[in-house]
Amino acid sequence: AEQCELCGSYENIEVHHIRKLSDLKVAGQKEKPLWKKRMSAIRR
């Protein structure tokens, strides 16, 4: 699709990767950033 999943841009596409989904759940964090919400929602 060559489109950024956060802002919709079509330029300089890269892949952000985390080790495991449980790394998204940081204890004591008030609100998750949008990118963490997006990764949690698509479970990838």
PDB file of all heavy atoms in Angstrom:
ATOM      1  N   ALA A   1       0.831  -1.203   0.000  1.00  0.00           N
ATOM      2  CA  ALA A   1       0.000   0.000   0.000  1.00  0.00           C
ATOM      3  C   ALA A   1       0.869   1.258   0.000  1.00  0.00           C
ATOM      4  O   ALA A   1       0.439   2.311  -0.470  1.00  0.00           O
ATOM      5  CB  ALA A   1      -0.927   0.004   1.211  1.00  0.00           C
ATOM      6  N   GLU A   2       2.108   1.151   0.513  1.00  0.00           N
ATOM      7  CA  GLU A   2       3.072   2.253   0.552  1.00  0.00           C
ATOM      8  C   GLU A   2       2.474   3.522   1.144  1.00  0.00           C
ATOM      9  O   GLU A   2       2.638   4.622   0.616  1.00  0.00           O
ATOM     10  CB  GLU A   2       3.653   2.521  -0.832  1.00  0.00           C
ATOM     11  CG  GLU A   2       4.476   1.374  -1.369  1.00  0.00           C
ATOM     12  CD  GLU A   2       5.097   1.671  -2.717  1.00  0.00           C
ATOM     13  OE1 GLU A   2       4.977   2.814  -3.210  1.00  0.00           O
ATOM     14  OE2 GLU A   2       5.705   0.754  -3.280  1.00  0.00           O
ATOM     15  N   GLN A   3       1.756   3.363   2.244  1.00  0.00           N
ATOM     16  CA  GLN A   3       1.134   4.498   2.911  1.00  0.00           C
ATOM     17  C   GLN A   3       1.377   4.378   4.407  1.00  0.00           C
ATOM     18  O   GLN A   3       1.247   3.301   4.987  1.00  0.00           O
ATOM     19  CB  GLN A   3      -0.364   4.534   2.627  1.00  0.00           C
ATOM     20  CG  GLN A   3      -1.056   5.728   3.236  1.00  0.00           C
ATOM     21  CD  GLN A   3      -2.546   5.757   2.933  1.00  0.00           C
ATOM     22  OE1 GLN A   3      -3.107   4.783   2.440  1.00  0.00           O
ATOM     23  NE2 GLN A   3      -3.178   6.876   3.220  1.00  0.00           N
ATOM     24  N   CYS A   4       1.728   5.498   5.026  1.00  0.00           N
ATOM     25  CA  CYS A   4       1.942   5.534   6.465  1.00  0.00           C
ATOM     26  C   CYS A   4       0.619   5.267   7.169  1.00  0.00           C
ATOM     27  O   CYS A   4      -0.401   5.881   6.844  1.00  0.00           O
ATOM     28  CB  CYS A   4       2.511   6.891   6.874  1.00  0.00           C
ATOM     29  SG  CYS A   4       2.751   7.070   8.653  1.00  0.00           S
ATOM     30  N   GLU A   5       0.630   4.366   8.128  1.00  0.00           N
ATOM     31  CA  GLU A   5      -0.589   4.001   8.838  1.00  0.00           C
ATOM     32  C   GLU A   5      -0.942   5.000   9.938  1.00  0.00           C
ATOM     33  O   GLU A   5      -1.993   4.877  10.551  1.00  0.00           O
ATOM     34  CB  GLU A   5      -0.462   2.592   9.421  1.00  0.00           C
ATOM     35  CG  GLU A   5      -0.352   1.521   8.348  1.00  0.00           C
ATOM     36  CD  GLU A   5      -0.148   0.128   8.898  1.00  0.00           C
ATOM     37  OE1 GLU A   5       0.280  -0.017  10.056  1.00  0.00           O
ATOM     38  OE2 GLU A   5      -0.412  -0.836   8.163  1.00  0.00           O
ATOM     39  N   LEU A   6      -0.067   5.976  10.169  1.00  0.00           N
ATOM     40  CA  LEU A   6      -0.345   6.972  11.198  1.00  0.00           C
ATOM     41  C   LEU A   6      -0.761   8.321  10.615  1.00  0.00           C
ATOM     42  O   LEU A   6      -1.696   8.941  11.102  1.00  0.00           O
ATOM     43  CB  LEU A   6       0.871   7.159  12.105  1.00  0.00           C
ATOM     44  CG  LEU A   6       1.239   5.946  12.957  1.00  0.00           C
ATOM     45  CD1 LEU A   6       2.517   6.213  13.738  1.00  0.00           C
ATOM     46  CD2 LEU A   6       0.119   5.585  13.903  1.00  0.00           C
ATOM     47  N   CYS A   7      -0.058   8.782   9.567  1.00  0.00           N
ATOM     48  CA  CYS A   7      -0.374  10.111   9.027  1.00  0.00           C
ATOM     49  C   CYS A   7      -0.906  10.066   7.602  1.00  0.00           C
ATOM     50  O   CYS A   7      -1.406  11.066   7.102  1.00  0.00           O
ATOM     51  CB  CYS A   7       0.856  11.025   9.096  1.00  0.00           C
ATOM     52  SG  CYS A   7       2.168  10.583   7.953  1.00  0.00           S
ATOM     53  N   GLY A   8      -0.791   8.927   6.921  1.00  0.00           N
ATOM     54  CA  GLY A   8      -1.321   8.805   5.569  1.00  0.00           C
ATOM     55  C   GLY A   8      -0.338   9.216   4.487  1.00  0.00           C
ATOM     56  O   GLY A   8      -0.684   9.238   3.310  1.00  0.00           O
ATOM     57  N   SER A   9       0.900   9.560   4.832  1.00  0.00           N
ATOM     58  CA  SER A   9       1.898   9.991   3.865  1.00  0.00           C
ATOM     59  C   SER A   9       2.323   8.837   2.970  1.00  0.00           C
ATOM     60  O   SER A   9       2.259   7.673   3.356  1.00  0.00           O
ATOM     61  CB  SER A   9       3.117  10.546   4.607  1.00  0.00           C
ATOM     62  OG  SER A   9       4.151  10.810   3.705  1.00  0.00           O
ATOM     63  N   TYR A  10       2.774   9.172   1.737  1.00  0.00           N
ATOM     64  CA  TYR A  10       3.231   8.166   0.790  1.00  0.00           C
ATOM     65  C   TYR A  10       4.744   8.244   0.560  1.00  0.00           C
ATOM     66  O   TYR A  10       5.266   7.594  -0.324  1.00  0.00           O
ATOM     67  CB  TYR A  10       2.517   8.336  -0.563  1.00  0.00           C
ATOM     68  CG  TYR A  10       1.059   7.946  -0.508  1.00  0.00           C
ATOM     69  CD1 TYR A  10       0.071   8.900  -0.306  1.00  0.00           C
ATOM     70  CD2 TYR A  10       0.663   6.621  -0.673  1.00  0.00           C
ATOM     71  CE1 TYR A  10      -1.258   8.552  -0.260  1.00  0.00           C
ATOM     72  CE2 TYR A  10      -0.663   6.270  -0.633  1.00  0.00           C
ATOM     73  CZ  TYR A  10      -1.620   7.233  -0.423  1.00  0.00           C
ATOM     74  OH  TYR A  10      -2.936   6.874  -0.380  1.00  0.00           O
ATOM     75  N   GLU A  11       5.469   9.000   1.358  1.00  0.00           N
ATOM     76  CA  GLU A  11       6.897   9.211   1.133  1.00  0.00           C
ATOM     77  C   GLU A  11       7.734   8.523   2.216  1.00  0.00           C
ATOM     78  O   GLU A  11       7.382   8.538   3.393  1.00  0.00           O
ATOM     79  CB  GLU A  11       7.211  10.708   1.128  1.00  0.00           C
ATOM     80  CG  GLU A  11       6.544  11.445  -0.015  1.00  0.00           C
ATOM     81  CD  GLU A  11       6.820  12.931   0.026  1.00  0.00           C
ATOM     82  OE1 GLU A  11       7.676  13.365   0.821  1.00  0.00           O
ATOM     83  OE2 GLU A  11       6.174  13.657  -0.725  1.00  0.00           O
ATOM     84  N   ASN A  12       8.881   7.955   1.803  1.00  0.00           N
ATOM     85  CA  ASN A  12       9.862   7.345   2.704  1.00  0.00           C
ATOM     86  C   ASN A  12       9.224   6.360   3.699  1.00  0.00           C
ATOM     87  O   ASN A  12       9.321   6.527   4.909  1.00  0.00           O
ATOM     88  CB  ASN A  12      10.633   8.419   3.481  1.00  0.00           C
ATOM     89  CG  ASN A  12      11.409   9.332   2.568  1.00  0.00           C
ATOM     90  OD1 ASN A  12      11.943   8.890   1.561  1.00  0.00           O
ATOM     91  ND2 ASN A  12      11.457  10.602   2.904  1.00  0.00           N
ATOM     92  N   ILE A  13       8.601   5.335   3.180  1.00  0.00           N
ATOM     93  CA  ILE A  13       7.901   4.358   4.020  1.00  0.00           C
ATOM     94  C   ILE A  13       8.910   3.403   4.670  1.00  0.00           C
ATOM     95  O   ILE A  13       9.825   2.908   4.026  1.00  0.00           O
ATOM     96  CB  ILE A  13       6.871   3.567   3.188  1.00  0.00           C
ATOM     97  CG1 ILE A  13       5.843   4.518   2.580  1.00  0.00           C
ATOM     98  CG2 ILE A  13       6.202   2.479   4.012  1.00  0.00           C
ATOM     99  CD1 ILE A  13       5.052   5.320   3.577  1.00  0.00           C
ATOM    100  N   GLU A  14       8.745   3.170   5.975  1.00  0.00           N
ATOM    101  CA  GLU A  14       9.587   2.271   6.751  1.00  0.00           C
ATOM    102  C   GLU A  14       8.689   1.382   7.614  1.00  0.00           C
ATOM    103  O   GLU A  14       7.482   1.583   7.668  1.00  0.00           O
ATOM    104  CB  GLU A  14      10.530   3.069   7.668  1.00  0.00           C
ATOM    105  CG  GLU A  14      11.493   3.973   6.916  1.00  0.00           C
ATOM    106  CD  GLU A  14      12.367   4.794   7.842  1.00  0.00           C
ATOM    107  OE1 GLU A  14      12.135   4.776   9.081  1.00  0.00           O
ATOM    108  OE2 GLU A  14      13.284   5.449   7.338  1.00  0.00           O
ATOM    109  N   VAL A  15       9.313   0.431   8.295  1.00  0.00           N
ATOM    110  CA  VAL A  15       8.563  -0.456   9.183  1.00  0.00           C
ATOM    111  C   VAL A  15       9.075  -0.272  10.602  1.00  0.00           C
ATOM    112  O   VAL A  15      10.267  -0.400  10.862  1.00  0.00           O
ATOM    113  CB  VAL A  15       8.706  -1.936   8.756  1.00  0.00           C
ATOM    114  CG1 VAL A  15       7.965  -2.853   9.719  1.00  0.00           C
ATOM    115  CG2 VAL A  15       8.192  -2.128   7.344  1.00  0.00           C
ATOM    116  N   HIS A  16       8.164   0.044  11.522  1.00  0.00           N
ATOM    117  CA  HIS A  16       8.504   0.085  12.942  1.00  0.00           C
ATOM    118  C   HIS A  16       8.135  -1.270  13.525  1.00  0.00           C
ATOM    119  O   HIS A  16       7.064  -1.795  13.264  1.00  0.00           O
ATOM    120  CB  HIS A  16       7.740   1.205  13.657  1.00  0.00           C
ATOM    121  CG  HIS A  16       8.003   1.244  15.130  1.00  0.00           C
ATOM    122  ND1 HIS A  16       9.226   1.605  15.649  1.00  0.00           N
ATOM    123  CD2 HIS A  16       7.222   0.940  16.191  1.00  0.00           C
ATOM    124  CE1 HIS A  16       9.177   1.535  16.969  1.00  0.00           C
ATOM    125  NE2 HIS A  16       7.961   1.128  17.317  1.00  0.00           N
ATOM    126  N   HIS A  17       9.048  -1.838  14.310  1.00  0.00           N
ATOM    127  CA  HIS A  17       8.856  -3.188  14.829  1.00  0.00           C
ATOM    128  C   HIS A  17       9.146  -3.209  16.327  1.00  0.00           C
ATOM    129  O   HIS A  17      10.072  -2.563  16.793  1.00  0.00           O
ATOM    130  CB  HIS A  17       9.811  -4.143  14.108  1.00  0.00           C
ATOM    131  CG  HIS A  17       9.612  -5.570  14.461  1.00  0.00           C
ATOM    132  ND1 HIS A  17      10.299  -6.179  15.471  1.00  0.00           N
ATOM    133  CD2 HIS A  17       8.799  -6.512  13.942  1.00  0.00           C
ATOM    134  CE1 HIS A  17       9.916  -7.441  15.554  1.00  0.00           C
ATOM    135  NE2 HIS A  17       9.016  -7.672  14.638  1.00  0.00           N
ATOM    136  N   ILE A  18       8.337  -3.958  17.068  1.00  0.00           N
ATOM    137  CA  ILE A  18       8.598  -4.174  18.492  1.00  0.00           C
ATOM    138  C   ILE A  18       8.821  -5.662  18.710  1.00  0.00           C
ATOM    139  O   ILE A  18       8.424  -6.484  17.890  1.00  0.00           O
ATOM    140  CB  ILE A  18       7.436  -3.661  19.373  1.00  0.00           C
ATOM    141  CG1 ILE A  18       6.119  -4.349  19.007  1.00  0.00           C
ATOM    142  CG2 ILE A  18       7.317  -2.152  19.278  1.00  0.00           C
ATOM    143  CD1 ILE A  18       5.004  -4.065  19.964  1.00  0.00           C
ATOM    144  N   ARG A  19       9.447  -6.032  19.832  1.00  0.00           N
ATOM    145  CA  ARG A  19       9.755  -7.442  20.095  1.00  0.00           C
ATOM    146  C   ARG A  19       8.510  -8.262  20.367  1.00  0.00           C
ATOM    147  O   ARG A  19       8.330  -9.352  19.862  1.00  0.00           O
ATOM    148  CB  ARG A  19      10.716  -7.556  21.266  1.00  0.00           C
ATOM    149  CG  ARG A  19      12.090  -7.082  20.905  1.00  0.00           C
ATOM    150  CD  ARG A  19      13.096  -7.479  21.973  1.00  0.00           C
ATOM    151  NE  ARG A  19      14.382  -6.916  21.632  1.00  0.00           N
ATOM    152  CZ  ARG A  19      14.991  -5.978  22.336  1.00  0.00           C
ATOM    153  NH1 ARG A  19      14.450  -5.511  23.435  1.00  0.00           N
ATOM    154  NH2 ARG A  19      16.161  -5.503  21.949  1.00  0.00           N
ATOM    155  N   LYS A  20       7.644  -7.738  21.230  1.00  0.00           N
ATOM    156  CA  LYS A  20       6.414  -8.466  21.538  1.00  0.00           C
ATOM    157  C   LYS A  20       5.315  -7.475  21.895  1.00  0.00           C
ATOM    158  O   LYS A  20       5.580  -6.363  22.335  1.00  0.00           O
ATOM    159  CB  LYS A  20       6.627  -9.490  22.655  1.00  0.00           C
ATOM    160  CG  LYS A  20       7.314  -8.980  23.874  1.00  0.00           C
ATOM    161  CD  LYS A  20       7.635 -10.128  24.823  1.00  0.00           C
ATOM    162  CE  LYS A  20       8.444  -9.596  25.995  1.00  0.00           C
ATOM    163  NZ  LYS A  20       8.750 -10.617  26.959  1.00  0.00           N
ATOM    164  N   LEU A  21       4.080  -7.918  21.690  1.00  0.00           N
ATOM    165  CA  LEU A  21       2.939  -7.036  21.921  1.00  0.00           C
ATOM    166  C   LEU A  21       2.818  -6.614  23.380  1.00  0.00           C
ATOM    167  O   LEU A  21       2.329  -5.532  23.678  1.00  0.00           O
ATOM    168  CB  LEU A  21       1.646  -7.708  21.464  1.00  0.00           C
ATOM    169  CG  LEU A  21       1.431  -7.746  19.948  1.00  0.00           C
ATOM    170  CD1 LEU A  21       0.222  -8.589  19.614  1.00  0.00           C
ATOM    171  CD2 LEU A  21       1.273  -6.351  19.391  1.00  0.00           C
ATOM    172  N   SER A  22       3.277  -7.450  24.279  1.00  0.00           N
ATOM    173  CA  SER A  22       3.174  -7.103  25.697  1.00  0.00           C
ATOM    174  C   SER A  22       4.070  -5.916  26.052  1.00  0.00           C
ATOM    175  O   SER A  22       3.880  -5.290  27.090  1.00  0.00           O
ATOM    176  CB  SER A  22       3.510  -8.310  26.570  1.00  0.00           C
ATOM    177  OG  SER A  22       4.832  -8.730  26.343  1.00  0.00           O
ATOM    178  N   ASP A  23       5.046  -5.584  25.181  1.00  0.00           N
ATOM    179  CA  ASP A  23       5.884  -4.401  25.409  1.00  0.00           C
ATOM    180  C   ASP A  23       5.082  -3.108  25.291  1.00  0.00           C
ATOM    181  O   ASP A  23       5.512  -2.060  25.763  1.00  0.00           O
ATOM    182  CB  ASP A  23       7.050  -4.359  24.417  1.00  0.00           C
ATOM    183  CG  ASP A  23       8.092  -5.433  24.700  1.00  0.00           C
ATOM    184  OD1 ASP A  23       8.036  -6.039  25.793  1.00  0.00           O
ATOM    185  OD2 ASP A  23       8.955  -5.658  23.833  1.00  0.00           O
ATOM    186  N   LEU A  24       3.912  -3.168  24.665  1.00  0.00           N
ATOM    187  CA  LEU A  24       3.074  -1.979  24.509  1.00  0.00           C
ATOM    188  C   LEU A  24       2.401  -1.582  25.823  1.00  0.00           C
ATOM    189  O   LEU A  24       1.998  -0.446  25.996  1.00  0.00           O
ATOM    190  CB  LEU A  24       2.001  -2.218  23.436  1.00  0.00           C
ATOM    191  CG  LEU A  24       2.517  -2.451  22.018  1.00  0.00           C
ATOM    192  CD1 LEU A  24       1.361  -2.808  21.102  1.00  0.00           C
ATOM    193  CD2 LEU A  24       3.267  -1.241  21.502  1.00  0.00           C
ATOM    194  N   LYS A  25       2.260  -2.535  26.726  1.00  0.00           N
ATOM    195  CA  LYS A  25       1.583  -2.278  28.002  1.00  0.00           C
ATOM    196  C   LYS A  25       2.613  -1.888  29.050  1.00  0.00           C
ATOM    197  O   LYS A  25       3.165  -2.727  29.742  1.00  0.00           O
ATOM    198  CB  LYS A  25       0.820  -3.516  28.454  1.00  0.00           C
ATOM    199  CG  LYS A  25      -0.233  -3.960  27.472  1.00  0.00           C
ATOM    200  CD  LYS A  25      -0.828  -5.281  27.872  1.00  0.00           C
ATOM    201  CE  LYS A  25      -1.767  -5.792  26.789  1.00  0.00           C
ATOM    202  NZ  LYS A  25      -2.184  -7.150  27.040  1.00  0.00           N
ATOM    203  N   VAL A  26       2.889  -0.602  29.154  1.00  0.00           N
ATOM    204  CA  VAL A  26       3.870  -0.108  30.124  1.00  0.00           C
ATOM    205  C   VAL A  26       3.139   0.268  31.398  1.00  0.00           C
ATOM    206  O   VAL A  26       2.185   1.047  31.382  1.00  0.00           O
ATOM    207  CB  VAL A  26       4.634   1.106  29.549  1.00  0.00           C
ATOM    208  CG1 VAL A  26       5.630   1.641  30.562  1.00  0.00           C
ATOM    209  CG2 VAL A  26       5.332   0.718  28.256  1.00  0.00           C
ATOM    210  N   ALA A  27       3.578  -0.298  32.517  1.00  0.00           N
ATOM    211  CA  ALA A  27       2.923  -0.022  33.802  1.00  0.00           C
ATOM    212  C   ALA A  27       3.146   1.425  34.214  1.00  0.00           C
ATOM    213  O   ALA A  27       4.231   1.973  34.065  1.00  0.00           O
ATOM    214  CB  ALA A  27       3.483  -0.959  34.863  1.00  0.00           C
ATOM    215  N   GLY A  28       2.099   2.073  34.701  1.00  0.00           N
ATOM    216  CA  GLY A  28       2.192   3.437  35.210  1.00  0.00           C
ATOM    217  C   GLY A  28       2.026   4.509  34.149  1.00  0.00           C
ATOM    218  O   GLY A  28       2.064   5.689  34.467  1.00  0.00           O
ATOM    219  N   GLN A  29       1.851   4.130  32.895  1.00  0.00           N
ATOM    220  CA  GLN A  29       1.681   5.127  31.838  1.00  0.00           C
ATOM    221  C   GLN A  29       0.218   5.558  31.795  1.00  0.00           C
ATOM    222  O   GLN A  29      -0.678   4.722  31.792  1.00  0.00           O
ATOM    223  CB  GLN A  29       2.108   4.526  30.495  1.00  0.00           C
ATOM    224  CG  GLN A  29       2.236   5.548  29.397  1.00  0.00           C
ATOM    225  CD  GLN A  29       2.809   4.921  28.123  1.00  0.00           C
ATOM    226  OE1 GLN A  29       2.772   3.725  27.954  1.00  0.00           O
ATOM    227  NE2 GLN A  29       3.322   5.762  27.256  1.00  0.00           N
ATOM    228  N   LYS A  30      -0.004   6.877  31.790  1.00  0.00           N
ATOM    229  CA  LYS A  30      -1.369   7.394  31.833  1.00  0.00           C
ATOM    230  C   LYS A  30      -2.148   7.015  30.583  1.00  0.00           C
ATOM    231  O   LYS A  30      -3.150   6.323  30.650  1.00  0.00           O
ATOM    232  CB  LYS A  30      -1.341   8.914  31.985  1.00  0.00           C
ATOM    233  CG  LYS A  30      -0.791   9.376  33.311  1.00  0.00           C
ATOM    234  CD  LYS A  30      -0.779  10.871  33.384  1.00  0.00           C
ATOM    235  CE  LYS A  30      -0.140  11.331  34.692  1.00  0.00           C
ATOM    236  NZ  LYS A  30      -0.039  12.782  34.754  1.00  0.00           N
ATOM    237  N   GLU A  31      -1.700   7.487  29.454  1.00  0.00           N
ATOM    238  CA  GLU A  31      -2.416   7.210  28.212  1.00  0.00           C
ATOM    239  C   GLU A  31      -1.415   6.784  27.148  1.00  0.00           C
ATOM    240  O   GLU A  31      -0.334   7.355  27.031  1.00  0.00           O
ATOM    241  CB  GLU A  31      -3.164   8.460  27.737  1.00  0.00           C
ATOM    242  CG  GLU A  31      -4.057   8.194  26.557  1.00  0.00           C
ATOM    243  CD  GLU A  31      -4.853   9.429  26.148  1.00  0.00           C
ATOM    244  OE1 GLU A  31      -5.002  10.351  26.948  1.00  0.00           O
ATOM    245  OE2 GLU A  31      -5.316   9.424  25.001  1.00  0.00           O
ATOM    246  N   LYS A  32      -1.796   5.787  26.373  1.00  0.00           N
ATOM    247  CA  LYS A  32      -0.910   5.292  25.327  1.00  0.00           C
ATOM    248  C   LYS A  32      -0.833   6.306  24.193  1.00  0.00           C
ATOM    249  O   LYS A  32      -1.838   6.931  23.844  1.00  0.00           O
ATOM    250  CB  LYS A  32      -1.453   3.984  24.734  1.00  0.00           C
ATOM    251  CG  LYS A  32      -1.369   2.802  25.635  1.00  0.00           C
ATOM    252  CD  LYS A  32      -1.889   1.589  24.871  1.00  0.00           C
ATOM    253  CE  LYS A  32      -1.974   0.373  25.741  1.00  0.00           C
ATOM    254  NZ  LYS A  32      -2.549  -0.763  25.016  1.00  0.00           N
ATOM    255  N   PRO A  33       0.346   6.425  23.556  1.00  0.00           N
ATOM    256  CA  PRO A  33       0.431   7.246  22.348  1.00  0.00           C
ATOM    257  C   PRO A  33      -0.380   6.602  21.227  1.00  0.00           C
ATOM    258  O   PRO A  33      -0.692   5.402  21.280  1.00  0.00           O
ATOM    259  CB  PRO A  33       1.913   7.252  22.008  1.00  0.00           C
ATOM    260  CG  PRO A  33       2.623   6.653  23.155  1.00  0.00           C
ATOM    261  CD  PRO A  33       1.626   5.928  23.983  1.00  0.00           C
ATOM    262  N   LEU A  34      -0.671   7.370  20.207  1.00  0.00           N
ATOM    263  CA  LEU A  34      -1.503   6.890  19.103  1.00  0.00           C
ATOM    264  C   LEU A  34      -0.894   5.673  18.423  1.00  0.00           C
ATOM    265  O   LEU A  34      -1.606   4.734  18.081  1.00  0.00           O
ATOM    266  CB  LEU A  34      -1.720   8.006  18.080  1.00  0.00           C
ATOM    267  CG  LEU A  34      -2.547   7.597  16.870  1.00  0.00           C
ATOM    268  CD1 LEU A  34      -3.991   7.344  17.285  1.00  0.00           C
ATOM    269  CD2 LEU A  34      -2.497   8.639  15.793  1.00  0.00           C
ATOM    270  N   TRP A  35       0.426   5.655  18.247  1.00  0.00           N
ATOM    271  CA  TRP A  35       1.043   4.525  17.546  1.00  0.00           C
ATOM    272  C   TRP A  35       0.890   3.233  18.350  1.00  0.00           C
ATOM    273  O   TRP A  35       0.692   2.164  17.775  1.00  0.00           O
ATOM    274  CB  TRP A  35       2.507   4.813  17.196  1.00  0.00           C
ATOM    275  CG  TRP A  35       3.440   4.931  18.361  1.00  0.00           C
ATOM    276  CD1 TRP A  35       3.745   6.050  19.069  1.00  0.00           C
ATOM    277  CD2 TRP A  35       4.194   3.873  18.948  1.00  0.00           C
ATOM    278  NE1 TRP A  35       4.627   5.775  20.063  1.00  0.00           N
ATOM    279  CE2 TRP A  35       4.944   4.442  20.002  1.00  0.00           C
ATOM    280  CE3 TRP A  35       4.325   2.522  18.700  1.00  0.00           C
ATOM    281  CZ2 TRP A  35       5.801   3.684  20.805  1.00  0.00           C
ATOM    282  CZ3 TRP A  35       5.184   1.772  19.482  1.00  0.00           C
ATOM    283  CH2 TRP A  35       5.910   2.366  20.524  1.00  0.00           C
ATOM    284  N   LYS A  36       0.924   3.327  19.668  1.00  0.00           N
ATOM    285  CA  LYS A  36       0.724   2.135  20.502  1.00  0.00           C
ATOM    286  C   LYS A  36      -0.727   1.673  20.431  1.00  0.00           C
ATOM    287  O   LYS A  36      -1.016   0.476  20.396  1.00  0.00           O
ATOM    288  CB  LYS A  36       1.111   2.412  21.959  1.00  0.00           C
ATOM    289  CG  LYS A  36       2.599   2.415  22.198  1.00  0.00           C
ATOM    290  CD  LYS A  36       2.914   2.494  23.678  1.00  0.00           C
ATOM    291  CE  LYS A  36       4.413   2.450  23.926  1.00  0.00           C
ATOM    292  NZ  LYS A  36       4.740   2.460  25.342  1.00  0.00           N
ATOM    293  N   LYS A  37      -1.650   2.640  20.411  1.00  0.00           N
ATOM    294  CA  LYS A  37      -3.069   2.278  20.276  1.00  0.00           C
ATOM    295  C   LYS A  37      -3.319   1.568  18.955  1.00  0.00           C
ATOM    296  O   LYS A  37      -4.061   0.587  18.894  1.00  0.00           O
ATOM    297  CB  LYS A  37      -3.934   3.536  20.359  1.00  0.00           C
ATOM    298  CG  LYS A  37      -4.029   4.143  21.735  1.00  0.00           C
ATOM    299  CD  LYS A  37      -4.906   5.377  21.706  1.00  0.00           C
ATOM    300  CE  LYS A  37      -4.972   6.049  23.065  1.00  0.00           C
ATOM    301  NZ  LYS A  37      -5.759   7.296  23.026  1.00  0.00           N
ATOM    302  N   ARG A  38      -2.678   2.083  17.885  1.00  0.00           N
ATOM    303  CA  ARG A  38      -2.854   1.498  16.561  1.00  0.00           C
ATOM    304  C   ARG A  38      -2.316   0.054  16.529  1.00  0.00           C
ATOM    305  O   ARG A  38      -2.965  -0.851  16.024  1.00  0.00           O
ATOM    306  CB  ARG A  38      -2.145   2.364  15.521  1.00  0.00           C
ATOM    307  CG  ARG A  38      -2.095   1.800  14.141  1.00  0.00           C
ATOM    308  CD  ARG A  38      -3.395   1.990  13.420  1.00  0.00           C
ATOM    309  NE  ARG A  38      -3.235   1.486  12.059  1.00  0.00           N
ATOM    310  CZ  ARG A  38      -4.160   0.824  11.411  1.00  0.00           C
ATOM    311  NH1 ARG A  38      -5.333   0.654  11.949  1.00  0.00           N
ATOM    312  NH2 ARG A  38      -3.930   0.385  10.211  1.00  0.00           N
ATOM    313  N   MET A  39      -1.119  -0.162  17.097  1.00  0.00           N
ATOM    314  CA  MET A  39      -0.535  -1.506  17.100  1.00  0.00           C
ATOM    315  C   MET A  39      -1.364  -2.459  17.959  1.00  0.00           C
ATOM    316  O   MET A  39      -1.523  -3.629  17.617  1.00  0.00           O
ATOM    317  CB  MET A  39       0.915  -1.462  17.593  1.00  0.00           C
ATOM    318  CG  MET A  39       1.865  -0.811  16.611  1.00  0.00           C
ATOM    319  SD  MET A  39       3.555  -0.804  17.176  1.00  0.00           S
ATOM    320  CE  MET A  39       4.143  -2.310  16.455  1.00  0.00           C
ATOM    321  N   SER A  40      -1.899  -1.965  19.071  1.00  0.00           N
ATOM    322  CA  SER A  40      -2.753  -2.799  19.920  1.00  0.00           C
ATOM    323  C   SER A  40      -4.044  -3.152  19.212  1.00  0.00           C
ATOM    324  O   SER A  40      -4.546  -4.269  19.326  1.00  0.00           O
ATOM    325  CB  SER A  40      -3.063  -2.076  21.228  1.00  0.00           C
ATOM    326  OG  SER A  40      -1.898  -1.893  21.977  1.00  0.00           O
ATOM    327  N   ALA A  41      -4.595  -2.188  18.473  1.00  0.00           N
ATOM    328  CA  ALA A  41      -5.869  -2.402  17.785  1.00  0.00           C
ATOM    329  C   ALA A  41      -5.744  -3.454  16.682  1.00  0.00           C
ATOM    330  O   ALA A  41      -6.615  -4.312  16.536  1.00  0.00           O
ATOM    331  CB  ALA A  41      -6.384  -1.093  17.204  1.00  0.00           C
ATOM    332  N   ILE A  42      -4.651  -3.379  15.910  1.00  0.00           N
ATOM    333  CA  ILE A  42      -4.495  -4.355  14.823  1.00  0.00           C
ATOM    334  C   ILE A  42      -3.794  -5.628  15.288  1.00  0.00           C
ATOM    335  O   ILE A  42      -3.686  -6.586  14.530  1.00  0.00           O
ATOM    336  CB  ILE A  42      -3.748  -3.737  13.609  1.00  0.00           C
ATOM    337  CG1 ILE A  42      -2.340  -3.312  13.984  1.00  0.00           C
ATOM    338  CG2 ILE A  42      -4.536  -2.614  12.994  1.00  0.00           C
ATOM    339  CD1 ILE A  42      -1.495  -2.831  12.818  1.00  0.00           C
ATOM    340  N   ARG A  43      -3.331  -5.630  16.543  1.00  0.00           N
ATOM    341  CA  ARG A  43      -2.660  -6.785  17.147  1.00  0.00           C
ATOM    342  C   ARG A  43      -1.495  -7.283  16.298  1.00  0.00           C
ATOM    343  O   ARG A  43      -1.384  -8.464  15.978  1.00  0.00           O
ATOM    344  CB  ARG A  43      -3.648  -7.914  17.403  1.00  0.00           C
ATOM    345  CG  ARG A  43      -4.647  -7.586  18.458  1.00  0.00           C
ATOM    346  CD  ARG A  43      -5.516  -8.759  18.762  1.00  0.00           C
ATOM    347  NE  ARG A  43      -6.507  -8.400  19.757  1.00  0.00           N
ATOM    348  CZ  ARG A  43      -7.526  -9.147  20.077  1.00  0.00           C
ATOM    349  NH1 ARG A  43      -7.701 -10.304  19.495  1.00  0.00           N
ATOM    350  NH2 ARG A  43      -8.382  -8.757  20.983  1.00  0.00           N
ATOM    351  N   ARG A  44      -0.631  -6.349  15.920  1.00  0.00           N
ATOM    352  CA  ARG A  44       0.539  -6.655  15.117  1.00  0.00           C
ATOM    353  C   ARG A  44       1.771  -6.022  15.727  1.00  0.00           C
ATOM    354  O   ARG A  44       1.694  -4.951  16.327  1.00  0.00           O
ATOM    355  CB  ARG A  44       0.381  -6.156  13.675  1.00  0.00           C
ATOM    356  CG  ARG A  44      -0.736  -6.842  12.908  1.00  0.00           C
ATOM    357  CD  ARG A  44      -0.340  -8.286  12.594  1.00  0.00           C
ATOM    358  NE  ARG A  44      -1.387  -9.011  11.937  1.00  0.00           N
ATOM    359  CZ  ARG A  44      -2.156  -9.937  12.497  1.00  0.00           C
ATOM    360  NH1 ARG A  44      -2.020 -10.218  13.765  1.00  0.00           N
ATOM    361  NH2 ARG A  44      -3.062 -10.572  11.815  1.00  0.00           N
TER     362      ARG A  44
END
